[in-house]
N, C-alpha and C. Protein backbone atom coordinates (compact mmCIF):
# COMPACT_ATOMS: atom_id res chain seq x y z
N MET A 1 59.70 -54.62 -35.19
CA MET A 1 58.40 -54.09 -36.00
C MET A 1 58.71 -52.23 -35.53
N SER A 2 58.85 -51.84 -36.16
CA SER A 2 58.70 -50.02 -36.10
C SER A 2 57.42 -49.36 -36.96
N ALA A 3 57.07 -48.60 -36.42
CA ALA A 3 56.50 -47.23 -36.95
C ALA A 3 57.08 -46.51 -38.64
N ARG A 4 56.71 -46.29 -39.32
CA ARG A 4 57.09 -45.67 -40.20
C ARG A 4 56.88 -44.00 -39.91
N GLU A 5 58.04 -43.32 -40.58
CA GLU A 5 58.14 -41.87 -40.10
C GLU A 5 57.19 -40.99 -41.45
N LEU A 6 56.48 -39.87 -40.89
CA LEU A 6 55.91 -39.40 -42.38
C LEU A 6 56.90 -38.68 -42.51
N GLN A 7 56.78 -38.51 -44.34
CA GLN A 7 58.10 -37.67 -44.79
C GLN A 7 57.20 -36.71 -45.31
N ARG A 8 55.94 -36.19 -45.43
CA ARG A 8 55.52 -35.10 -46.03
C ARG A 8 54.77 -34.21 -44.82
N ARG A 9 54.30 -33.18 -45.51
CA ARG A 9 53.74 -32.28 -44.63
C ARG A 9 52.32 -32.52 -44.46
N ILE A 10 51.51 -32.01 -43.27
CA ILE A 10 50.14 -32.40 -43.25
C ILE A 10 49.53 -31.41 -43.21
N ALA A 11 48.72 -31.09 -43.96
CA ALA A 11 47.99 -29.75 -44.57
C ALA A 11 46.90 -29.49 -43.26
N ASP A 12 47.26 -28.48 -42.60
CA ASP A 12 46.52 -28.04 -41.40
C ASP A 12 45.71 -26.56 -41.33
N ASP A 13 45.43 -26.21 -42.85
CA ASP A 13 45.18 -24.78 -43.37
C ASP A 13 43.42 -25.13 -43.26
N TRP A 14 42.92 -25.57 -42.92
CA TRP A 14 41.51 -25.98 -42.97
C TRP A 14 40.65 -25.43 -41.86
N ARG A 15 39.25 -25.77 -41.76
CA ARG A 15 38.77 -25.36 -40.50
C ARG A 15 37.15 -25.53 -40.54
N VAL A 16 36.65 -25.99 -39.69
CA VAL A 16 35.31 -26.02 -39.62
C VAL A 16 34.39 -24.82 -39.70
N THR A 17 33.35 -24.52 -40.40
CA THR A 17 32.64 -23.14 -40.05
C THR A 17 31.28 -23.55 -40.19
N SER A 18 30.21 -22.30 -40.25
CA SER A 18 28.97 -22.28 -40.48
C SER A 18 28.79 -21.94 -41.59
N TYR A 19 27.51 -21.67 -42.03
CA TYR A 19 27.00 -21.19 -43.14
C TYR A 19 27.24 -19.63 -42.74
N SER A 20 26.32 -19.22 -41.66
CA SER A 20 26.63 -17.56 -41.30
C SER A 20 28.34 -17.17 -41.31
N GLY A 21 29.43 -18.09 -40.74
CA GLY A 21 30.56 -17.52 -41.09
C GLY A 21 30.77 -17.38 -42.20
N LEU A 22 30.48 -18.37 -43.36
CA LEU A 22 30.81 -18.12 -44.74
C LEU A 22 30.25 -16.61 -45.60
N GLN A 23 28.87 -16.54 -44.99
CA GLN A 23 28.86 -15.11 -45.70
C GLN A 23 29.54 -14.28 -44.78
N GLN A 24 29.68 -13.80 -43.58
CA GLN A 24 29.89 -13.20 -42.93
C GLN A 24 31.40 -12.77 -43.78
N HIS A 25 32.04 -13.69 -44.09
CA HIS A 25 33.35 -13.49 -44.78
C HIS A 25 33.51 -13.49 -46.39
N GLY A 26 32.26 -13.21 -46.55
CA GLY A 26 31.93 -12.93 -48.09
C GLY A 26 32.77 -14.05 -49.25
N PHE A 27 32.24 -14.89 -48.93
CA PHE A 27 32.66 -16.12 -49.53
C PHE A 27 31.66 -16.43 -50.75
N SER A 28 32.08 -16.30 -51.91
CA SER A 28 31.19 -16.28 -52.98
C SER A 28 31.75 -16.93 -54.28
N GLY A 29 32.43 -18.00 -53.88
CA GLY A 29 33.07 -18.73 -55.10
C GLY A 29 31.92 -19.34 -56.06
N GLY A 30 31.00 -19.63 -55.26
CA GLY A 30 29.87 -19.80 -56.53
C GLY A 30 29.28 -18.70 -57.83
N GLN A 31 29.19 -17.63 -57.04
CA GLN A 31 29.06 -16.38 -58.08
C GLN A 31 29.92 -16.26 -59.36
N ASP A 32 31.14 -16.63 -59.05
CA ASP A 32 32.27 -16.76 -60.26
C ASP A 32 31.82 -17.33 -61.13
N LEU A 33 31.36 -18.74 -60.80
CA LEU A 33 31.28 -19.55 -61.67
C LEU A 33 29.87 -19.62 -62.55
N LEU A 34 28.89 -18.55 -62.20
CA LEU A 34 27.54 -18.47 -62.72
C LEU A 34 27.84 -17.93 -64.33
N PRO A 35 27.18 -18.34 -65.35
CA PRO A 35 27.78 -17.48 -66.56
C PRO A 35 27.28 -16.12 -66.52
N ARG A 36 27.76 -15.04 -67.10
CA ARG A 36 27.21 -14.01 -67.18
C ARG A 36 25.74 -13.84 -68.07
N LEU A 37 24.98 -12.94 -67.71
CA LEU A 37 23.52 -12.52 -68.70
C LEU A 37 23.81 -11.68 -68.90
N ASP A 38 23.84 -11.04 -70.37
CA ASP A 38 23.57 -10.01 -70.93
C ASP A 38 22.12 -9.70 -71.40
N VAL A 39 21.59 -8.87 -70.50
CA VAL A 39 20.16 -8.66 -70.48
C VAL A 39 19.61 -8.20 -71.98
N ASP A 40 20.24 -7.30 -72.34
CA ASP A 40 20.09 -6.39 -73.25
C ASP A 40 20.02 -7.46 -74.69
N ALA A 41 21.19 -8.18 -74.71
CA ALA A 41 21.34 -9.22 -75.90
C ALA A 41 20.10 -10.57 -75.86
N ALA A 42 19.58 -10.58 -74.52
CA ALA A 42 18.57 -11.64 -74.61
C ALA A 42 17.29 -11.04 -75.07
N GLY A 43 17.21 -9.46 -75.09
CA GLY A 43 15.82 -9.18 -75.37
C GLY A 43 14.69 -8.81 -73.96
N VAL A 44 15.48 -8.93 -72.73
CA VAL A 44 14.43 -9.18 -71.73
C VAL A 44 14.34 -7.11 -71.25
N GLY A 45 13.31 -6.88 -71.32
CA GLY A 45 12.94 -5.48 -70.77
C GLY A 45 12.78 -5.40 -69.20
N GLU A 46 12.83 -3.92 -68.87
CA GLU A 46 12.92 -4.09 -67.42
C GLU A 46 11.28 -4.51 -67.05
N VAL A 47 11.42 -5.17 -66.11
CA VAL A 47 10.03 -5.71 -65.53
C VAL A 47 9.76 -5.25 -64.35
N VAL A 48 8.75 -4.54 -63.69
CA VAL A 48 8.59 -4.37 -62.64
C VAL A 48 7.57 -5.08 -61.61
N GLU A 49 7.81 -5.64 -61.24
CA GLU A 49 7.29 -6.58 -60.06
C GLU A 49 7.49 -6.24 -58.68
N GLU A 50 6.52 -6.41 -57.74
CA GLU A 50 6.46 -6.22 -56.31
C GLU A 50 7.42 -7.44 -55.61
N PRO A 51 8.37 -7.11 -55.20
CA PRO A 51 9.21 -7.81 -54.44
C PRO A 51 8.51 -9.04 -53.50
N GLN A 52 8.70 -10.21 -53.93
CA GLN A 52 8.45 -11.44 -53.12
C GLN A 52 9.32 -11.86 -52.09
N LEU A 53 9.12 -11.70 -51.29
CA LEU A 53 9.81 -12.64 -49.88
C LEU A 53 10.20 -14.12 -50.20
N THR A 54 11.33 -14.43 -50.07
CA THR A 54 11.94 -15.86 -50.04
C THR A 54 12.70 -16.28 -49.20
N PRO A 55 12.72 -17.82 -48.77
CA PRO A 55 13.65 -17.80 -47.54
C PRO A 55 15.13 -17.37 -47.59
N HIS A 56 15.63 -17.17 -48.86
CA HIS A 56 16.69 -16.68 -48.91
C HIS A 56 17.14 -15.34 -48.51
N GLN A 57 16.06 -14.35 -48.46
CA GLN A 57 16.18 -13.15 -47.72
C GLN A 57 15.63 -12.90 -46.29
N PHE A 58 15.64 -14.51 -45.91
CA PHE A 58 15.27 -14.09 -44.29
C PHE A 58 16.75 -13.37 -43.74
N PRO A 59 16.69 -12.60 -42.61
CA PRO A 59 17.97 -12.12 -42.14
C PRO A 59 18.93 -13.23 -41.77
N ARG A 60 20.17 -12.75 -41.74
CA ARG A 60 21.44 -13.53 -41.78
C ARG A 60 21.81 -13.56 -40.27
N GLY A 61 22.59 -14.45 -40.04
CA GLY A 61 23.37 -14.14 -38.99
C GLY A 61 22.85 -15.21 -37.58
N ALA A 62 23.86 -14.99 -36.65
CA ALA A 62 23.59 -16.04 -35.41
C ALA A 62 22.27 -15.94 -34.92
N ALA A 63 21.79 -14.96 -34.86
CA ALA A 63 20.09 -14.69 -34.09
C ALA A 63 19.48 -15.52 -34.74
N PRO A 64 19.22 -15.13 -36.04
CA PRO A 64 18.22 -15.65 -36.99
C PRO A 64 18.52 -16.87 -37.41
N GLY A 65 19.86 -17.58 -37.35
CA GLY A 65 20.22 -19.06 -37.42
C GLY A 65 19.58 -19.66 -36.51
N THR A 66 19.93 -19.15 -35.34
CA THR A 66 19.42 -19.79 -33.83
C THR A 66 17.87 -19.96 -33.65
N PHE A 67 17.28 -18.95 -34.44
CA PHE A 67 15.69 -18.70 -34.63
C PHE A 67 15.13 -19.83 -35.30
N LEU A 68 15.81 -19.88 -36.48
CA LEU A 68 15.57 -21.14 -37.54
C LEU A 68 15.75 -22.22 -36.93
N HIS A 69 16.69 -22.81 -36.15
CA HIS A 69 17.23 -24.10 -35.63
C HIS A 69 16.19 -24.41 -34.84
N SER A 70 15.75 -23.49 -33.71
CA SER A 70 14.39 -23.45 -32.88
C SER A 70 13.31 -24.34 -33.64
N LEU A 71 13.04 -23.89 -34.42
CA LEU A 71 11.78 -24.22 -35.29
C LEU A 71 11.90 -25.52 -35.32
N PHE A 72 13.08 -25.72 -36.37
CA PHE A 72 13.35 -27.23 -36.64
C PHE A 72 13.47 -28.02 -35.42
N GLU A 73 13.78 -27.67 -34.23
CA GLU A 73 13.57 -28.62 -33.23
C GLU A 73 12.15 -29.00 -32.69
N GLU A 74 11.33 -28.16 -32.81
CA GLU A 74 10.15 -28.03 -32.33
C GLU A 74 9.02 -28.54 -33.24
N LEU A 75 9.54 -29.01 -34.57
CA LEU A 75 8.52 -29.05 -35.27
C LEU A 75 8.63 -30.54 -35.75
N ASP A 76 7.11 -31.02 -35.57
CA ASP A 76 6.82 -32.28 -36.06
C ASP A 76 6.78 -32.31 -37.78
N PHE A 77 7.82 -33.37 -38.49
CA PHE A 77 7.55 -32.61 -39.80
C PHE A 77 6.93 -33.79 -40.41
N THR A 78 5.83 -34.65 -39.32
CA THR A 78 4.66 -35.51 -40.21
C THR A 78 3.74 -34.71 -40.44
N GLN A 79 3.65 -33.75 -40.01
CA GLN A 79 2.16 -32.72 -39.45
C GLN A 79 2.59 -31.68 -40.21
N PRO A 80 1.43 -30.96 -40.64
CA PRO A 80 1.44 -29.76 -41.40
C PRO A 80 2.05 -28.92 -40.09
N VAL A 81 2.38 -27.46 -40.77
CA VAL A 81 2.89 -26.67 -39.28
C VAL A 81 1.59 -25.75 -39.24
N PRO A 82 1.23 -25.67 -37.83
CA PRO A 82 -0.11 -25.49 -37.35
C PRO A 82 -0.16 -23.73 -37.81
N GLU A 83 -1.35 -23.71 -38.22
CA GLU A 83 -1.74 -22.13 -38.79
C GLU A 83 -1.64 -21.14 -37.33
N GLY A 84 -0.69 -20.00 -37.11
CA GLY A 84 -0.80 -18.95 -36.36
C GLY A 84 0.69 -19.55 -35.41
N TRP A 85 1.08 -20.71 -35.70
CA TRP A 85 2.27 -21.01 -35.06
C TRP A 85 3.52 -20.17 -35.04
N MET A 86 3.90 -19.85 -36.80
CA MET A 86 4.70 -19.10 -37.18
C MET A 86 4.73 -18.02 -36.76
N ALA A 87 3.66 -17.39 -36.93
CA ALA A 87 3.68 -16.07 -36.46
C ALA A 87 3.45 -15.93 -35.27
N GLU A 88 3.22 -16.50 -34.30
CA GLU A 88 3.44 -16.39 -32.72
C GLU A 88 5.05 -16.68 -32.47
N LYS A 89 5.79 -17.34 -33.29
CA LYS A 89 7.29 -18.00 -33.00
C LYS A 89 8.12 -16.47 -33.24
N LEU A 90 7.23 -15.85 -34.61
CA LEU A 90 8.16 -14.67 -35.28
C LEU A 90 8.19 -13.56 -34.06
N GLN A 91 7.02 -13.32 -33.69
CA GLN A 91 6.62 -12.40 -33.07
C GLN A 91 7.23 -12.35 -31.18
N LEU A 92 7.13 -13.58 -30.93
CA LEU A 92 8.27 -13.84 -29.81
C LEU A 92 9.72 -13.56 -29.65
N SER A 93 10.14 -13.96 -31.16
CA SER A 93 11.57 -13.41 -31.38
C SER A 93 12.18 -12.36 -32.07
N GLY A 94 11.08 -11.49 -32.38
CA GLY A 94 11.04 -10.40 -32.77
C GLY A 94 11.32 -10.11 -34.25
N PHE A 95 10.79 -11.08 -34.83
CA PHE A 95 10.56 -10.81 -36.49
C PHE A 95 9.42 -10.27 -37.03
N ASP A 96 9.22 -9.93 -38.13
CA ASP A 96 8.34 -9.29 -38.71
C ASP A 96 7.24 -10.08 -38.99
N ALA A 97 6.09 -10.27 -39.05
CA ALA A 97 4.96 -11.21 -39.33
C ALA A 97 5.01 -11.43 -40.67
N GLN A 98 5.66 -10.83 -41.23
CA GLN A 98 5.57 -10.91 -42.94
C GLN A 98 6.17 -12.30 -43.41
N TRP A 99 6.77 -12.53 -42.36
CA TRP A 99 7.64 -13.78 -42.52
C TRP A 99 7.21 -15.06 -42.57
N ALA A 100 5.80 -15.06 -41.84
CA ALA A 100 4.74 -16.03 -41.53
C ALA A 100 4.58 -17.10 -42.64
N PRO A 101 4.25 -16.68 -43.56
CA PRO A 101 3.91 -17.27 -44.74
C PRO A 101 4.77 -17.75 -45.78
N VAL A 102 6.41 -17.02 -45.76
CA VAL A 102 7.19 -17.58 -46.52
C VAL A 102 7.70 -18.77 -45.73
N LEU A 103 7.88 -18.54 -44.31
CA LEU A 103 8.59 -19.65 -43.20
C LEU A 103 7.72 -20.95 -43.35
N THR A 104 6.20 -20.59 -43.02
CA THR A 104 5.47 -21.38 -43.24
C THR A 104 5.55 -22.65 -44.36
N ASP A 105 5.35 -21.96 -45.41
CA ASP A 105 5.52 -22.69 -46.59
C ASP A 105 6.69 -23.45 -46.83
N TRP A 106 7.88 -22.73 -46.62
CA TRP A 106 9.18 -23.44 -46.70
C TRP A 106 9.41 -24.50 -45.74
N LEU A 107 9.03 -24.43 -44.68
CA LEU A 107 9.24 -25.68 -43.77
C LEU A 107 7.98 -26.87 -44.19
N GLY A 108 6.97 -26.19 -44.36
CA GLY A 108 6.09 -27.57 -45.02
C GLY A 108 6.68 -28.04 -45.97
N ALA A 109 7.26 -27.66 -47.06
CA ALA A 109 8.04 -28.47 -47.85
C ALA A 109 9.25 -29.25 -47.61
N CYS A 110 9.49 -29.27 -46.12
CA CYS A 110 10.72 -30.15 -45.73
C CYS A 110 9.97 -31.81 -45.72
C-alpha cells in the first residue's frame, strides 16, 4: 500500500489577521455591496443633529483594541457594569471620559 501523490497545487495565499489589520489595509468589500442612496430622490433634506458617539467611532488600532479586550477580561457579564468603573478604566488608559456612557451601554448589552 502506498500514499497517493497530490496532483494539484495547494492554495497558500491566505493568512490569519485581525480586525485592526483589515482596517489598516483599507478592506472595504462590504461597502461595494451596499446600495447607493440618492438623497435627492428620496426627498430627504439636510438634517443637522449633534453627533452622537457610537462604539463604532471608538479609536481604532492595537492600543484601543487591547484596552477593549482588557475590559472583556475583567467584566462579569452576569452583572451590570459598575457605575464609575468605565470612567476609571478610560482615564487610566488615557481615553476621554466622554466614552464612558457609550462603552457602558455597549458592554451592558453583551
